[in-house]
Amino acid sequence: MEILQEANVIYWASSILMFTYSFVDHVLELDGETGSPPPIPRLCFVDTGVALVHDQATGNTTPSNSTSPRCVYLLEELIDVSDKEADFVKYIHNGDALPLLEPADPLYYNAEFLCFAQHVQYFKSGGLVFISDLQGSADLLTDPQIMTSPTISRGKNMFGEGNVPKAFEAFPDQHQCNHYCTWFKLPPLKVAA
C-alpha cells in the first residue's frame, strides 16, 4: 500500500506543479512586457509508474479467479548524478518553509523558485495545499510530500507520513516572500499584527 500511496503523491505533486507553471505562464503572457521576470527554472517530477508482478496463471483464468499481485514495485525515472554539475540537492524540507541552500549556492535560485511555487500553490488553493520536501538533481525532482490543511484531511493521512499538520499550519508565518513572489504580485501570506 505504501508504494501506491507514494505513486499517488508523485502524481498529485506533478499536477500541482503543472498548475503552478500554468499560473506563471499566464502572468508572463499578461504582464511579460512590463519588465523582465527573474529566471524561471523549468523543473518537473520524475516519471513514475507502478509495476505489479503476478504469479503465472495456470489453466483457464477469468477476472474472478485471476491471481493476486505477488510483488508491487515503484518505478521511477533515473536521476543521473554522475555529472559533477548535477548533484542531488534538497531544496526545502517538509518541516520548514525556508530554502535549505545558502544564497551563494549556484542552485539557490531553484530553491527560491520552489518557495515561490509553494506560495502560489497555497494562495491559489485557498490555503489548502502545497508541495514540500522538494529535492532532486538538475531539472528533475523526486520524493515530494503534499502538505494539506487539516480541515480537508479530517485527521486522516491523505498523502503519507510527510504531511505534517504543524508544518502546514506554520507555513504562512514561516514563508518569506522573495523576488519571484514580488514580481508575480503575490499577496503576503503573513498577516501583519
N, C-alpha and C. Protein backbone atom coordinates (compact mmCIF):
# COMPACT_ATOMS: atom_id res chain seq x y z
N MET A 1 0.82 -1.20 0.00
CA MET A 1 0.00 0.00 0.00
C MET A 1 0.86 1.27 0.00
N GLU A 2 2.04 1.21 0.66
CA GLU A 2 2.92 2.38 0.69
C GLU A 2 3.35 2.78 -0.72
N ILE A 3 3.61 1.81 -1.57
CA ILE A 3 4.06 2.11 -2.93
C ILE A 3 2.96 2.83 -3.70
N LEU A 4 1.73 2.37 -3.56
CA LEU A 4 0.63 3.04 -4.25
C LEU A 4 0.43 4.46 -3.71
N GLN A 5 0.61 4.63 -2.41
CA GLN A 5 0.49 5.96 -1.82
C GLN A 5 1.60 6.88 -2.35
N GLU A 6 2.82 6.37 -2.44
CA GLU A 6 3.93 7.18 -2.96
C GLU A 6 3.70 7.54 -4.42
N ALA A 7 3.21 6.61 -5.22
CA ALA A 7 2.90 6.91 -6.62
C ALA A 7 1.81 7.97 -6.70
N ASN A 8 0.83 7.89 -5.83
CA ASN A 8 -0.25 8.87 -5.78
C ASN A 8 0.29 10.26 -5.43
N VAL A 9 1.22 10.31 -4.48
CA VAL A 9 1.83 11.59 -4.10
C VAL A 9 2.56 12.21 -5.29
N ILE A 10 3.34 11.42 -6.00
CA ILE A 10 4.08 11.96 -7.15
C ILE A 10 3.11 12.41 -8.24
N TYR A 11 2.04 11.64 -8.46
CA TYR A 11 1.03 12.03 -9.45
C TYR A 11 0.43 13.40 -9.09
N TRP A 12 0.00 13.55 -7.84
CA TRP A 12 -0.62 14.81 -7.44
C TRP A 12 0.40 15.95 -7.38
N ALA A 13 1.61 15.66 -6.94
CA ALA A 13 2.65 16.71 -6.91
C ALA A 13 2.94 17.20 -8.32
N SER A 14 3.00 16.29 -9.29
CA SER A 14 3.22 16.69 -10.69
C SER A 14 2.09 17.58 -11.17
N SER A 15 0.87 17.23 -10.84
CA SER A 15 -0.29 18.04 -11.25
C SER A 15 -0.26 19.42 -10.61
N ILE A 16 0.07 19.47 -9.33
CA ILE A 16 0.12 20.75 -8.63
C ILE A 16 1.25 21.62 -9.18
N LEU A 17 2.39 21.01 -9.49
CA LEU A 17 3.50 21.77 -10.07
C LEU A 17 3.12 22.28 -11.47
N MET A 18 2.43 21.47 -12.26
CA MET A 18 1.97 21.93 -13.59
C MET A 18 1.01 23.10 -13.43
N PHE A 19 0.14 23.05 -12.43
CA PHE A 19 -0.77 24.16 -12.14
C PHE A 19 0.03 25.43 -11.85
N THR A 20 1.11 25.28 -11.08
CA THR A 20 1.97 26.42 -10.75
C THR A 20 2.56 27.03 -12.02
N TYR A 21 3.06 26.18 -12.92
CA TYR A 21 3.63 26.69 -14.17
C TYR A 21 2.55 27.31 -15.06
N SER A 22 1.33 26.82 -14.99
CA SER A 22 0.23 27.46 -15.74
C SER A 22 0.01 28.88 -15.23
N PHE A 23 0.04 29.05 -13.91
CA PHE A 23 -0.08 30.38 -13.32
C PHE A 23 1.07 31.28 -13.80
N VAL A 24 2.29 30.77 -13.71
CA VAL A 24 3.47 31.54 -14.13
C VAL A 24 3.34 31.95 -15.59
N ASP A 25 3.02 31.00 -16.46
CA ASP A 25 2.92 31.28 -17.89
C ASP A 25 1.80 32.27 -18.19
N HIS A 26 0.70 32.18 -17.46
CA HIS A 26 -0.42 33.11 -17.65
C HIS A 26 0.00 34.53 -17.28
N VAL A 27 0.66 34.68 -16.14
CA VAL A 27 1.11 36.01 -15.72
C VAL A 27 2.15 36.55 -16.70
N LEU A 28 3.07 35.70 -17.14
CA LEU A 28 4.08 36.15 -18.11
C LEU A 28 3.43 36.61 -19.41
N GLU A 29 2.40 35.91 -19.82
CA GLU A 29 1.69 36.29 -21.05
C GLU A 29 1.01 37.64 -20.88
N LEU A 30 0.42 37.88 -19.72
CA LEU A 30 -0.29 39.14 -19.48
C LEU A 30 0.65 40.29 -19.14
N ASP A 31 1.63 40.03 -18.29
CA ASP A 31 2.47 41.10 -17.75
C ASP A 31 3.91 41.04 -18.21
N GLY A 32 4.23 40.14 -19.10
CA GLY A 32 5.62 39.94 -19.51
C GLY A 32 6.28 41.14 -20.13
N GLU A 33 5.48 42.05 -20.66
CA GLU A 33 6.06 43.21 -21.32
C GLU A 33 6.38 44.33 -20.34
N THR A 34 5.97 44.18 -19.07
CA THR A 34 6.17 45.26 -18.09
C THR A 34 7.51 45.15 -17.37
N GLY A 35 8.35 44.25 -17.77
CA GLY A 35 9.66 44.09 -17.15
C GLY A 35 10.11 42.66 -17.24
N SER A 36 11.39 42.47 -17.06
CA SER A 36 11.93 41.12 -17.16
C SER A 36 11.69 40.36 -15.86
N PRO A 37 11.11 39.18 -15.95
CA PRO A 37 10.92 38.37 -14.74
C PRO A 37 12.25 37.76 -14.33
N PRO A 38 12.35 37.32 -13.09
CA PRO A 38 13.55 36.55 -12.73
C PRO A 38 13.59 35.27 -13.55
N PRO A 39 14.75 34.63 -13.67
CA PRO A 39 14.82 33.38 -14.46
C PRO A 39 13.87 32.33 -13.89
N ILE A 40 13.13 31.69 -14.77
CA ILE A 40 12.15 30.68 -14.36
C ILE A 40 12.74 29.30 -14.63
N PRO A 41 13.16 28.58 -13.59
CA PRO A 41 13.63 27.21 -13.84
C PRO A 41 12.45 26.32 -14.22
N ARG A 42 12.62 25.48 -15.19
CA ARG A 42 11.56 24.56 -15.61
C ARG A 42 11.86 23.18 -15.02
N LEU A 43 11.29 22.95 -13.86
CA LEU A 43 11.51 21.71 -13.12
C LEU A 43 10.31 20.79 -13.29
N CYS A 44 10.52 19.51 -13.08
CA CYS A 44 9.41 18.55 -13.13
C CYS A 44 9.75 17.37 -12.24
N PHE A 45 8.73 16.62 -11.88
CA PHE A 45 8.95 15.41 -11.10
C PHE A 45 9.29 14.26 -12.04
N VAL A 46 10.08 13.33 -11.52
CA VAL A 46 10.47 12.16 -12.32
C VAL A 46 9.22 11.43 -12.79
N ASP A 47 9.31 10.84 -13.98
CA ASP A 47 8.24 9.96 -14.44
C ASP A 47 8.21 8.75 -13.53
N THR A 48 7.02 8.34 -13.18
CA THR A 48 6.84 7.27 -12.19
C THR A 48 5.74 6.32 -12.65
N GLY A 49 5.90 5.07 -12.32
CA GLY A 49 4.87 4.07 -12.62
C GLY A 49 4.86 2.99 -11.55
N VAL A 50 3.81 2.22 -11.53
CA VAL A 50 3.67 1.10 -10.60
C VAL A 50 3.67 -0.18 -11.42
N ALA A 51 4.50 -1.13 -11.02
CA ALA A 51 4.55 -2.44 -11.69
C ALA A 51 4.05 -3.51 -10.73
N LEU A 52 3.13 -4.32 -11.21
CA LEU A 52 2.59 -5.43 -10.43
C LEU A 52 3.11 -6.73 -11.00
N VAL A 53 3.62 -7.60 -10.15
CA VAL A 53 4.12 -8.91 -10.57
C VAL A 53 3.12 -9.94 -10.08
N HIS A 54 2.61 -10.72 -11.03
CA HIS A 54 1.63 -11.76 -10.70
C HIS A 54 2.29 -13.13 -10.86
N ASP A 55 1.76 -14.11 -10.14
CA ASP A 55 2.17 -15.49 -10.39
C ASP A 55 1.69 -15.86 -11.78
N GLN A 56 2.37 -16.79 -12.40
CA GLN A 56 1.94 -17.24 -13.71
C GLN A 56 0.60 -17.95 -13.57
N ALA A 57 -0.34 -17.52 -14.37
CA ALA A 57 -1.68 -18.12 -14.32
C ALA A 57 -1.64 -19.53 -14.89
N THR A 58 -2.39 -20.39 -14.28
CA THR A 58 -2.49 -21.77 -14.78
C THR A 58 -3.91 -22.04 -15.20
N GLY A 59 -4.05 -22.72 -16.28
CA GLY A 59 -5.38 -23.11 -16.74
C GLY A 59 -6.19 -21.92 -17.24
N ASN A 60 -7.46 -22.01 -17.04
CA ASN A 60 -8.41 -21.01 -17.53
C ASN A 60 -8.59 -19.93 -16.47
N THR A 61 -8.10 -18.72 -16.74
CA THR A 61 -8.28 -17.63 -15.78
C THR A 61 -9.29 -16.64 -16.31
N THR A 62 -10.08 -16.16 -15.42
CA THR A 62 -11.05 -15.11 -15.70
C THR A 62 -10.84 -14.03 -14.64
N PRO A 63 -11.46 -12.87 -14.81
CA PRO A 63 -11.28 -11.83 -13.78
C PRO A 63 -11.64 -12.32 -12.37
N SER A 64 -12.56 -13.25 -12.25
CA SER A 64 -12.96 -13.71 -10.91
C SER A 64 -11.96 -14.67 -10.29
N ASN A 65 -11.12 -15.33 -11.09
CA ASN A 65 -10.15 -16.26 -10.49
C ASN A 65 -8.71 -15.92 -10.88
N SER A 66 -8.46 -14.70 -11.29
CA SER A 66 -7.09 -14.31 -11.65
C SER A 66 -6.23 -14.23 -10.38
N THR A 67 -4.94 -14.23 -10.57
CA THR A 67 -4.03 -14.24 -9.43
C THR A 67 -3.90 -12.85 -8.81
N SER A 68 -3.58 -12.82 -7.54
CA SER A 68 -3.31 -11.56 -6.84
C SER A 68 -1.86 -11.17 -7.10
N PRO A 69 -1.56 -9.88 -7.01
CA PRO A 69 -0.17 -9.47 -7.21
C PRO A 69 0.75 -10.12 -6.17
N ARG A 70 1.88 -10.59 -6.63
CA ARG A 70 2.88 -11.18 -5.73
C ARG A 70 3.81 -10.10 -5.20
N CYS A 71 4.16 -9.15 -6.06
CA CYS A 71 5.03 -8.04 -5.68
C CYS A 71 4.53 -6.77 -6.37
N VAL A 72 4.79 -5.65 -5.71
CA VAL A 72 4.45 -4.35 -6.27
C VAL A 72 5.72 -3.49 -6.22
N TYR A 73 6.04 -2.85 -7.34
CA TYR A 73 7.25 -2.03 -7.43
C TYR A 73 6.89 -0.62 -7.88
N LEU A 74 7.60 0.35 -7.34
CA LEU A 74 7.51 1.72 -7.81
C LEU A 74 8.68 1.94 -8.76
N LEU A 75 8.39 2.29 -9.99
CA LEU A 75 9.43 2.54 -10.99
C LEU A 75 9.55 4.05 -11.18
N GLU A 76 10.77 4.56 -11.05
CA GLU A 76 11.00 5.99 -11.20
C GLU A 76 12.10 6.24 -12.23
N GLU A 77 11.93 7.31 -12.95
CA GLU A 77 12.96 7.76 -13.89
C GLU A 77 14.28 7.92 -13.14
N LEU A 78 15.35 7.49 -13.75
CA LEU A 78 16.68 7.59 -13.14
C LEU A 78 17.14 9.04 -13.12
N ILE A 79 17.60 9.48 -11.97
CA ILE A 79 18.23 10.79 -11.85
C ILE A 79 19.73 10.55 -11.93
N ASP A 80 20.33 11.02 -13.01
CA ASP A 80 21.76 10.80 -13.24
C ASP A 80 22.56 11.85 -12.47
N VAL A 81 23.28 11.41 -11.46
CA VAL A 81 24.12 12.34 -10.69
C VAL A 81 25.60 12.10 -10.95
N SER A 82 25.92 11.42 -12.06
CA SER A 82 27.32 11.17 -12.40
C SER A 82 28.02 12.44 -12.86
N ASP A 83 27.25 13.39 -13.37
CA ASP A 83 27.79 14.68 -13.80
C ASP A 83 28.04 15.54 -12.56
N LYS A 84 29.25 16.08 -12.43
CA LYS A 84 29.58 16.88 -11.24
C LYS A 84 28.69 18.12 -11.13
N GLU A 85 28.12 18.56 -12.24
CA GLU A 85 27.24 19.72 -12.23
C GLU A 85 25.84 19.37 -11.74
N ALA A 86 25.54 18.09 -11.58
CA ALA A 86 24.17 17.67 -11.28
C ALA A 86 24.10 16.89 -9.97
N ASP A 87 24.57 17.49 -8.89
CA ASP A 87 24.46 16.85 -7.59
C ASP A 87 23.01 16.73 -7.17
N PHE A 88 22.74 15.76 -6.31
CA PHE A 88 21.41 15.62 -5.71
C PHE A 88 21.31 16.66 -4.60
N VAL A 89 20.24 17.45 -4.63
CA VAL A 89 20.09 18.58 -3.72
C VAL A 89 18.73 18.53 -3.03
N LYS A 90 18.72 18.81 -1.75
CA LYS A 90 17.46 19.00 -1.03
C LYS A 90 17.24 20.51 -0.94
N TYR A 91 16.16 20.98 -1.57
CA TYR A 91 15.88 22.41 -1.63
C TYR A 91 15.10 22.90 -0.42
N ILE A 92 14.04 22.16 -0.06
CA ILE A 92 13.15 22.57 1.03
C ILE A 92 12.73 21.31 1.79
N HIS A 93 12.80 21.37 3.10
CA HIS A 93 12.37 20.27 3.97
C HIS A 93 10.87 20.39 4.21
N ASN A 94 10.20 19.28 4.52
CA ASN A 94 8.76 19.35 4.74
C ASN A 94 8.39 19.93 6.11
N GLY A 95 9.37 20.17 6.98
CA GLY A 95 9.08 20.75 8.28
C GLY A 95 9.39 22.23 8.36
N ASP A 96 9.76 22.85 7.24
CA ASP A 96 10.16 24.25 7.25
C ASP A 96 9.90 24.85 5.86
N ALA A 97 9.57 26.12 5.83
CA ALA A 97 9.24 26.76 4.56
C ALA A 97 10.40 27.54 3.96
N LEU A 98 11.58 27.41 4.53
CA LEU A 98 12.73 28.18 4.05
C LEU A 98 13.66 27.31 3.22
N PRO A 99 14.38 27.92 2.27
CA PRO A 99 15.34 27.13 1.47
C PRO A 99 16.43 26.56 2.37
N LEU A 100 16.88 25.36 2.04
CA LEU A 100 17.98 24.74 2.77
C LEU A 100 19.34 25.18 2.23
N LEU A 101 19.36 25.73 1.03
CA LEU A 101 20.61 26.16 0.41
C LEU A 101 20.97 27.58 0.85
N GLU A 102 22.25 27.86 0.84
CA GLU A 102 22.74 29.21 1.14
C GLU A 102 22.59 30.07 -0.11
N PRO A 103 22.37 31.39 0.05
CA PRO A 103 22.22 32.27 -1.12
C PRO A 103 23.39 32.21 -2.10
N ALA A 104 24.59 31.88 -1.65
CA ALA A 104 25.74 31.80 -2.55
C ALA A 104 25.76 30.52 -3.39
N ASP A 105 24.92 29.56 -3.05
CA ASP A 105 24.88 28.29 -3.80
C ASP A 105 24.36 28.56 -5.21
N PRO A 106 25.00 27.99 -6.25
CA PRO A 106 24.54 28.23 -7.62
C PRO A 106 23.10 27.75 -7.89
N LEU A 107 22.58 26.84 -7.08
CA LEU A 107 21.21 26.35 -7.27
C LEU A 107 20.21 27.04 -6.35
N TYR A 108 20.64 28.09 -5.68
CA TYR A 108 19.75 28.79 -4.75
C TYR A 108 18.51 29.32 -5.48
N TYR A 109 18.68 29.75 -6.74
CA TYR A 109 17.52 30.28 -7.48
C TYR A 109 16.44 29.21 -7.65
N ASN A 110 16.83 27.92 -7.77
CA ASN A 110 15.83 26.85 -7.81
C ASN A 110 15.07 26.79 -6.49
N ALA A 111 15.81 26.87 -5.38
CA ALA A 111 15.18 26.83 -4.06
C ALA A 111 14.24 28.01 -3.88
N GLU A 112 14.67 29.20 -4.30
CA GLU A 112 13.80 30.39 -4.22
C GLU A 112 12.55 30.22 -5.07
N PHE A 113 12.74 29.70 -6.28
CA PHE A 113 11.58 29.49 -7.15
C PHE A 113 10.62 28.49 -6.51
N LEU A 114 11.14 27.43 -5.91
CA LEU A 114 10.28 26.43 -5.28
C LEU A 114 9.55 27.00 -4.06
N CYS A 115 10.19 27.92 -3.32
CA CYS A 115 9.49 28.61 -2.23
C CYS A 115 8.35 29.46 -2.79
N PHE A 116 8.63 30.14 -3.89
CA PHE A 116 7.59 30.90 -4.59
C PHE A 116 6.47 29.97 -5.05
N ALA A 117 6.84 28.81 -5.60
CA ALA A 117 5.83 27.85 -6.07
C ALA A 117 4.93 27.42 -4.91
N GLN A 118 5.50 27.21 -3.73
CA GLN A 118 4.68 26.88 -2.56
C GLN A 118 3.70 28.01 -2.26
N HIS A 119 4.17 29.25 -2.37
CA HIS A 119 3.31 30.41 -2.12
C HIS A 119 2.14 30.41 -3.11
N VAL A 120 2.44 30.21 -4.40
CA VAL A 120 1.40 30.15 -5.43
C VAL A 120 0.39 29.05 -5.09
N GLN A 121 0.88 27.87 -4.77
CA GLN A 121 0.01 26.72 -4.50
C GLN A 121 -0.89 26.99 -3.29
N TYR A 122 -0.31 27.52 -2.23
CA TYR A 122 -1.07 27.81 -1.02
C TYR A 122 -2.12 28.88 -1.30
N PHE A 123 -1.71 29.95 -1.96
CA PHE A 123 -2.62 31.06 -2.26
C PHE A 123 -3.73 30.64 -3.21
N LYS A 124 -3.38 30.01 -4.32
CA LYS A 124 -4.37 29.65 -5.34
C LYS A 124 -5.30 28.53 -4.87
N SER A 125 -4.88 27.72 -3.90
CA SER A 125 -5.76 26.67 -3.38
C SER A 125 -6.60 27.17 -2.21
N GLY A 126 -6.51 28.44 -1.91
CA GLY A 126 -7.26 28.98 -0.78
C GLY A 126 -6.71 28.49 0.55
N GLY A 127 -5.41 28.26 0.61
CA GLY A 127 -4.78 27.81 1.85
C GLY A 127 -5.01 26.35 2.16
N LEU A 128 -5.18 25.52 1.12
CA LEU A 128 -5.47 24.10 1.35
C LEU A 128 -4.32 23.16 1.07
N VAL A 129 -3.37 23.54 0.19
CA VAL A 129 -2.36 22.57 -0.22
C VAL A 129 -1.10 23.25 -0.76
N PHE A 130 0.04 22.61 -0.57
CA PHE A 130 1.28 22.96 -1.26
C PHE A 130 2.21 21.76 -1.22
N ILE A 131 3.17 21.75 -2.14
CA ILE A 131 4.15 20.66 -2.22
C ILE A 131 5.36 21.04 -1.37
N SER A 132 5.91 20.07 -0.65
CA SER A 132 7.10 20.32 0.14
C SER A 132 8.05 19.14 0.05
N ASP A 133 9.10 19.19 0.84
CA ASP A 133 10.16 18.18 0.83
C ASP A 133 10.71 18.05 -0.59
N LEU A 134 11.09 19.20 -1.13
CA LEU A 134 11.49 19.29 -2.54
C LEU A 134 12.98 19.04 -2.70
N GLN A 135 13.30 18.06 -3.57
CA GLN A 135 14.67 17.61 -3.75
C GLN A 135 14.83 17.00 -5.13
N GLY A 136 16.06 16.96 -5.61
CA GLY A 136 16.32 16.35 -6.90
C GLY A 136 17.67 16.76 -7.45
N SER A 137 17.79 16.64 -8.76
CA SER A 137 19.04 16.96 -9.44
C SER A 137 18.71 17.53 -10.81
N ALA A 138 19.47 18.54 -11.20
CA ALA A 138 19.24 19.24 -12.48
C ALA A 138 17.78 19.71 -12.51
N ASP A 139 17.01 19.32 -13.53
CA ASP A 139 15.63 19.79 -13.61
C ASP A 139 14.62 18.75 -13.10
N LEU A 140 15.10 17.67 -12.50
CA LEU A 140 14.22 16.60 -12.01
C LEU A 140 14.07 16.65 -10.50
N LEU A 141 12.83 16.56 -10.05
CA LEU A 141 12.51 16.49 -8.63
C LEU A 141 11.97 15.11 -8.31
N THR A 142 12.12 14.69 -7.06
CA THR A 142 11.62 13.37 -6.65
C THR A 142 11.22 13.39 -5.19
N ASP A 143 10.48 12.40 -4.80
CA ASP A 143 10.15 12.12 -3.40
C ASP A 143 9.52 13.30 -2.67
N PRO A 144 8.51 13.96 -3.24
CA PRO A 144 7.90 15.11 -2.59
C PRO A 144 6.93 14.68 -1.48
N GLN A 145 6.48 15.65 -0.75
CA GLN A 145 5.36 15.47 0.18
C GLN A 145 4.31 16.50 -0.20
N ILE A 146 3.07 16.13 -0.03
CA ILE A 146 1.98 17.08 -0.27
C ILE A 146 1.42 17.46 1.09
N MET A 147 1.51 18.73 1.39
CA MET A 147 1.04 19.26 2.66
C MET A 147 -0.38 19.75 2.47
N THR A 148 -1.29 19.27 3.31
CA THR A 148 -2.69 19.66 3.18
C THR A 148 -3.22 20.21 4.49
N SER A 149 -4.19 21.08 4.37
CA SER A 149 -4.85 21.66 5.53
C SER A 149 -5.52 20.56 6.34
N PRO A 150 -5.37 20.60 7.66
CA PRO A 150 -6.08 19.62 8.49
C PRO A 150 -7.60 19.68 8.30
N THR A 151 -8.11 20.80 7.79
CA THR A 151 -9.56 20.91 7.58
C THR A 151 -10.06 19.99 6.47
N ILE A 152 -9.20 19.65 5.52
CA ILE A 152 -9.66 18.75 4.45
C ILE A 152 -9.29 17.31 4.70
N SER A 153 -8.26 17.09 5.52
CA SER A 153 -7.85 15.70 5.75
C SER A 153 -8.65 15.04 6.87
N ARG A 154 -9.33 15.84 7.68
CA ARG A 154 -10.17 15.32 8.77
C ARG A 154 -9.45 14.26 9.61
N GLY A 155 -8.20 14.54 9.92
CA GLY A 155 -7.44 13.63 10.76
C GLY A 155 -6.88 12.42 10.05
N LYS A 156 -7.19 12.27 8.77
CA LYS A 156 -6.66 11.13 8.01
C LYS A 156 -5.40 11.56 7.29
N ASN A 157 -4.53 10.61 7.09
CA ASN A 157 -3.27 10.87 6.43
C ASN A 157 -3.44 10.70 4.93
N MET A 158 -3.87 11.75 4.26
CA MET A 158 -4.20 11.66 2.83
C MET A 158 -3.01 11.34 1.94
N PHE A 159 -1.84 11.89 2.29
CA PHE A 159 -0.69 11.78 1.38
C PHE A 159 0.56 11.25 2.05
N GLY A 160 0.43 10.53 3.13
CA GLY A 160 1.60 9.91 3.74
C GLY A 160 2.06 10.61 5.00
N GLU A 161 3.06 10.01 5.62
CA GLU A 161 3.57 10.48 6.90
C GLU A 161 4.24 11.85 6.80
N GLY A 162 4.67 12.25 5.63
CA GLY A 162 5.34 13.54 5.46
C GLY A 162 4.41 14.73 5.45
N ASN A 163 3.11 14.48 5.48
CA ASN A 163 2.11 15.55 5.54
C ASN A 163 1.98 15.96 7.01
N VAL A 164 2.80 16.93 7.42
CA VAL A 164 2.94 17.30 8.83
C VAL A 164 2.01 18.47 9.16
N PRO A 165 0.94 18.22 9.94
CA PRO A 165 -0.03 19.30 10.22
C PRO A 165 0.60 20.55 10.84
N LYS A 166 1.53 20.39 11.78
CA LYS A 166 2.15 21.57 12.42
C LYS A 166 2.93 22.39 11.40
N ALA A 167 3.62 21.73 10.48
CA ALA A 167 4.37 22.45 9.45
C ALA A 167 3.41 23.17 8.50
N PHE A 168 2.29 22.52 8.18
CA PHE A 168 1.31 23.17 7.31
C PHE A 168 0.78 24.44 7.98
N GLU A 169 0.42 24.32 9.25
CA GLU A 169 -0.15 25.47 9.96
C GLU A 169 0.87 26.60 10.14
N ALA A 170 2.16 26.26 10.23
CA ALA A 170 3.21 27.28 10.40
C ALA A 170 3.60 27.94 9.08
N PHE A 171 3.20 27.36 7.96
CA PHE A 171 3.67 27.84 6.65
C PHE A 171 3.45 29.34 6.43
N PRO A 172 2.26 29.89 6.66
CA PRO A 172 2.08 31.32 6.38
C PRO A 172 3.05 32.22 7.17
N ASP A 173 3.40 31.82 8.38
CA ASP A 173 4.34 32.61 9.18
C ASP A 173 5.79 32.36 8.79
N GLN A 174 6.11 31.15 8.36
CA GLN A 174 7.49 30.81 8.02
C GLN A 174 7.90 31.28 6.62
N HIS A 175 6.95 31.28 5.69
CA HIS A 175 7.29 31.64 4.31
C HIS A 175 7.82 33.07 4.26
N GLN A 176 8.91 33.26 3.55
CA GLN A 176 9.47 34.59 3.33
C GLN A 176 9.39 34.90 1.84
N CYS A 177 8.57 35.88 1.52
CA CYS A 177 8.44 36.24 0.10
C CYS A 177 9.80 36.62 -0.46
N ASN A 178 10.01 36.27 -1.72
CA ASN A 178 11.27 36.58 -2.39
C ASN A 178 10.96 37.35 -3.68
N HIS A 179 11.98 37.58 -4.51
CA HIS A 179 11.77 38.40 -5.71
C HIS A 179 10.78 37.76 -6.69
N TYR A 180 10.62 36.44 -6.68
CA TYR A 180 9.59 35.80 -7.51
C TYR A 180 8.20 36.21 -7.01
N CYS A 181 7.99 36.11 -5.71
CA CYS A 181 6.69 36.47 -5.13
C CYS A 181 6.35 37.93 -5.45
N THR A 182 7.35 38.80 -5.35
CA THR A 182 7.14 40.22 -5.62
C THR A 182 6.84 40.46 -7.10
N TRP A 183 7.64 39.88 -7.99
CA TRP A 183 7.45 40.10 -9.42
C TRP A 183 6.08 39.60 -9.87
N PHE A 184 5.66 38.47 -9.34
CA PHE A 184 4.37 37.90 -9.73
C PHE A 184 3.20 38.45 -8.91
N LYS A 185 3.49 39.45 -8.07
CA LYS A 185 2.48 40.20 -7.31
C LYS A 185 1.61 39.31 -6.42
N LEU A 186 2.24 38.36 -5.76
CA LEU A 186 1.50 37.52 -4.81
C LEU A 186 1.27 38.30 -3.52
N PRO A 187 0.09 38.15 -2.93
CA PRO A 187 -0.15 38.84 -1.66
C PRO A 187 0.65 38.18 -0.54
N PRO A 188 1.08 38.95 0.46
CA PRO A 188 1.81 38.33 1.56
C PRO A 188 0.91 37.31 2.27
N LEU A 189 1.53 36.25 2.77
CA LEU A 189 0.77 35.23 3.49
C LEU A 189 0.64 35.58 4.96
N LYS A 190 1.65 36.26 5.49
CA LYS A 190 1.65 36.61 6.91
C LYS A 190 0.80 37.86 7.09
N VAL A 191 -0.14 37.79 8.01
CA VAL A 191 -0.98 38.94 8.31
C VAL A 191 -0.25 39.79 9.34
N ALA A 192 -0.13 41.09 9.05
CA ALA A 192 0.57 41.98 9.98
C ALA A 192 -0.17 42.03 11.31
N ALA A 193 0.60 42.03 12.40
CA ALA A 193 0.00 42.04 13.74
C ALA A 193 -0.44 43.42 14.14
